[in-house]
C-alpha atoms as a PDB file:
ATOM      1  CA  MET A   1       0.101   0.100   0.024  1.00  0.00           C
ATOM      2  CA  HIS A   2       2.930   2.218   0.767  1.00  0.00           C
ATOM      3  CA  ASP A   3       4.339   1.778  -2.729  1.00  0.00           C
ATOM      4  CA  ASP A   4       1.052   2.974  -4.301  1.00  0.00           C
ATOM      5  CA  ASP A   5       1.026   6.123  -2.178  1.00  0.00           C
ATOM      6  CA  VAL A   6       4.575   6.824  -3.360  1.00  0.00           C
ATOM      7  CA  MET A   7       3.931   6.268  -6.971  1.00  0.00           C
ATOM      8  CA  ASP A   8       0.707   8.370  -6.988  1.00  0.00           C
ATOM      9  CA  ARG A   9       2.723  11.210  -5.315  1.00  0.00           C
ATOM     10  CA  LEU A  10       5.433  10.687  -8.065  1.00  0.00           C
ATOM     11  CA  LEU A  11       2.929  10.746 -10.869  1.00  0.00           C
ATOM     12  CA  LYS A  12       1.012  13.923  -9.564  1.00  0.00           C
ATOM     13  CA  ASP A  13       4.534  15.473  -9.163  1.00  0.00           C
ATOM     14  CA  ALA A  14       5.414  14.494 -12.924  1.00  0.00           C
ATOM     15  CA  MET A  15       2.048  15.596 -14.161  1.00  0.00           C
ATOM     16  CA  THR A  16       2.272  19.092 -12.452  1.00  0.00           C
ATOM     17  CA  ALA A  17       5.883  20.045 -13.424  1.00  0.00           C
ATOM     18  CA  ASP A  18       6.759  21.971 -16.360  1.00  0.00           C
ATOM     19  CA  ALA A  19       7.669  20.081 -19.570  1.00  0.00           C
ATOM     20  CA  PRO A  20      11.304  19.767 -20.303  1.00  0.00           C
ATOM     21  CA  GLN A  21      12.728  22.210 -23.236  1.00  0.00           C
ATOM     22  CA  LEU A  22      15.361  21.271 -25.549  1.00  0.00           C
ATOM     23  CA  SER A  23      17.980  23.871 -26.393  1.00  0.00           C
ATOM     24  CA  ARG A  24      17.418  26.096 -29.623  1.00  0.00           C
ATOM     25  CA  ASP A  25      20.557  24.448 -31.426  1.00  0.00           C
ATOM     26  CA  PHE A  26      19.377  20.629 -30.726  1.00  0.00           C
ATOM     27  CA  ASP A  27      17.883  20.195 -34.048  1.00  0.00           C
ATOM     28  CA  ALA A  28      21.129  21.576 -35.719  1.00  0.00           C
ATOM     29  CA  ARG A  29      23.283  19.275 -33.612  1.00  0.00           C
ATOM     30  CA  VAL A  30      21.317  16.333 -34.074  1.00  0.00           C
ATOM     31  CA  MET A  31      21.097  16.706 -37.962  1.00  0.00           C
ATOM     32  CA  GLN A  32      24.709  17.190 -38.123  1.00  0.00           C
ATOM     33  CA  ARG A  33      25.222  13.715 -36.354  1.00  0.00           C
ATOM     34  CA  VAL A  34      22.651  11.947 -38.640  1.00  0.00           C
ATOM     35  CA  ARG A  35      23.087  13.212 -42.003  1.00  0.00           C
ATOM     36  CA  PRO A  36      24.877  11.106 -44.525  1.00  0.00           C
ATOM     37  CA  ARG A  37      28.647  11.124 -44.648  1.00  0.00           C
ATOM     38  CA  ARG A  38      30.704  11.279 -47.848  1.00  0.00           C
ATOM     39  CA  LEU A  39      33.463   8.858 -48.426  1.00  0.00           C
ATOM     40  CA  THR A  40      36.857  10.255 -48.335  1.00  0.00           C
ATOM     41  CA  PRO A  41      39.448   9.538 -51.308  1.00  0.00           C
ATOM     42  CA  MET A  42      40.958   6.919 -49.274  1.00  0.00           C
ATOM     43  CA  GLY A  43      37.436   5.319 -48.853  1.00  0.00           C
ATOM     44  CA  HIS A  44      36.900   5.268 -52.668  1.00  0.00           C
ATOM     45  CA  ALA A  45      40.200   3.719 -53.107  1.00  0.00           C
ATOM     46  CA  ALA A  46      39.461   0.822 -50.596  1.00  0.00           C
ATOM     47  CA  ILE A  47      36.319   0.035 -52.145  1.00  0.00           C
ATOM     48  CA  ALA A  48      37.798   0.121 -55.672  1.00  0.00           C
ATOM     49  CA  ALA A  49      40.489  -2.138 -54.246  1.00  0.00           C
ATOM     50  CA  TYR A  50      37.993  -4.507 -52.688  1.00  0.00           C
ATOM     51  CA  ALA A  51      35.995  -4.741 -55.944  1.00  0.00           C
ATOM     52  CA  LEU A  52      39.263  -5.539 -58.127  1.00  0.00           C
ATOM     53  CA  VAL A  53      40.269  -8.276 -55.461  1.00  0.00           C
ATOM     54  CA  ALA A  54      36.450  -9.533 -55.256  1.00  0.00           C
ATOM     55  CA  ALA A  55      36.601  -9.929 -59.301  1.00  0.00           C
ATOM     56  CA  ALA A  56      39.865 -11.501 -59.480  1.00  0.00           C
ATOM     57  CA  THR A  57      38.994 -14.029 -57.049  1.00  0.00           C
ATOM     58  CA  ALA A  58      35.495 -14.815 -58.787  1.00  0.00           C
ATOM     59  CA  ALA A  59      37.371 -15.073 -62.031  1.00  0.00           C
ATOM     60  CA  TRP A  60      39.996 -17.613 -60.749  1.00  0.00           C
ATOM     61  CA  CYS A  61      37.203 -19.585 -58.927  1.00  0.00           C
ATOM     62  CA  MET A  62      34.972 -19.815 -61.956  1.00  0.00           C
ATOM     63  CA  ARG A  63      38.099 -20.753 -64.311  1.00  0.00           C
ATOM     64  CA  ASP A  64      37.248 -24.232 -64.996  1.00  0.00           C
ATOM     65  CA  LEU A  65      33.441 -23.591 -65.559  1.00  0.00           C
ATOM     66  CA  PRO A  66      31.684 -23.425 -69.135  1.00  0.00           C
ATOM     67  CA  VAL A  67      31.357 -19.823 -70.392  1.00  0.00           C
ATOM     68  CA  GLU A  68      27.497 -20.364 -70.689  1.00  0.00           C
ATOM     69  CA  TRP A  69      27.375 -21.017 -66.746  1.00  0.00           C
ATOM     70  CA  ILE A  70      29.239 -17.958 -66.187  1.00  0.00           C
ATOM     71  CA  ALA A  71      27.007 -16.071 -68.408  1.00  0.00           C
ATOM     72  CA  VAL A  72      23.864 -17.429 -66.236  1.00  0.00           C
ATOM     73  CA  ALA A  73      25.475 -16.785 -63.158  1.00  0.00           C
ATOM     74  CA  VAL A  74      26.085 -13.114 -63.929  1.00  0.00           C
ATOM     75  CA  ALA A  75      22.655 -13.002 -65.667  1.00  0.00           C
ATOM     76  CA  ILE A  76      21.138 -14.034 -62.452  1.00  0.00           C
ATOM     77  CA  SER A  77      23.457 -12.557 -59.780  1.00  0.00           C
ATOM     78  CA  VAL A  78      23.523  -8.895 -61.176  1.00  0.00           C
ATOM     79  CA  PRO A  79      19.732  -8.146 -60.854  1.00  0.00           C
ATOM     80  CA  VAL A  80      19.452  -9.933 -57.639  1.00  0.00           C
ATOM     81  CA  ALA A  81      22.288  -7.761 -56.412  1.00  0.00           C
ATOM     82  CA  ALA A  82      20.825  -4.593 -57.553  1.00  0.00           C
ATOM     83  CA  ALA A  83      17.295  -5.423 -56.214  1.00  0.00           C
ATOM     84  CA  ALA A  84      19.046  -6.061 -52.487  1.00  0.00           C
ATOM     85  CA  SER A  85      20.903  -2.699 -52.979  1.00  0.00           C
ATOM     86  CA  ALA A  86      17.760  -0.837 -53.734  1.00  0.00           C
ATOM     87  CA  TYR A  87      15.892  -2.472 -50.847  1.00  0.00           C
ATOM     88  CA  GLY A  88      18.585  -1.596 -48.570  1.00  0.00           C
ATOM     89  CA  ARG A  89      18.661   1.763 -49.519  1.00  0.00           C
ATOM     90  CA  ARG A  90      14.931   1.810 -49.082  1.00  0.00           C
ATOM     91  CA  LEU A  91      15.125   0.640 -45.516  1.00  0.00           C
ATOM     92  CA  ALA A  92      17.883   3.046 -44.762  1.00  0.00           C
ATOM     93  CA  VAL A  93      16.195   6.046 -46.055  1.00  0.00           C
ATOM     94  CA  GLY A  94      12.865   5.237 -44.429  1.00  0.00           C
ATOM     95  CA  ASP A  95      10.729   5.454 -47.454  1.00  0.00           C
END
């Protein structure tokens, strides 16, 4: 019973208190932290190096496959990758 009285008093105090206010520059600081970041030149170089290594590894792994199978694999995987990328972008943007 004592806990109920304490909880009632806390609730009444919270309901009668003034609403907290955020500082005027709060929105600007939040937007600065959540805006999309651009890649640096070093980031672009790292992604390009990764793409080259991935392409070379894929070519080496498929060296014994017939050309038709490679064409089919590319024809299937490229649209799937594009769709996954578009889906991921939509999730990130919140559209």
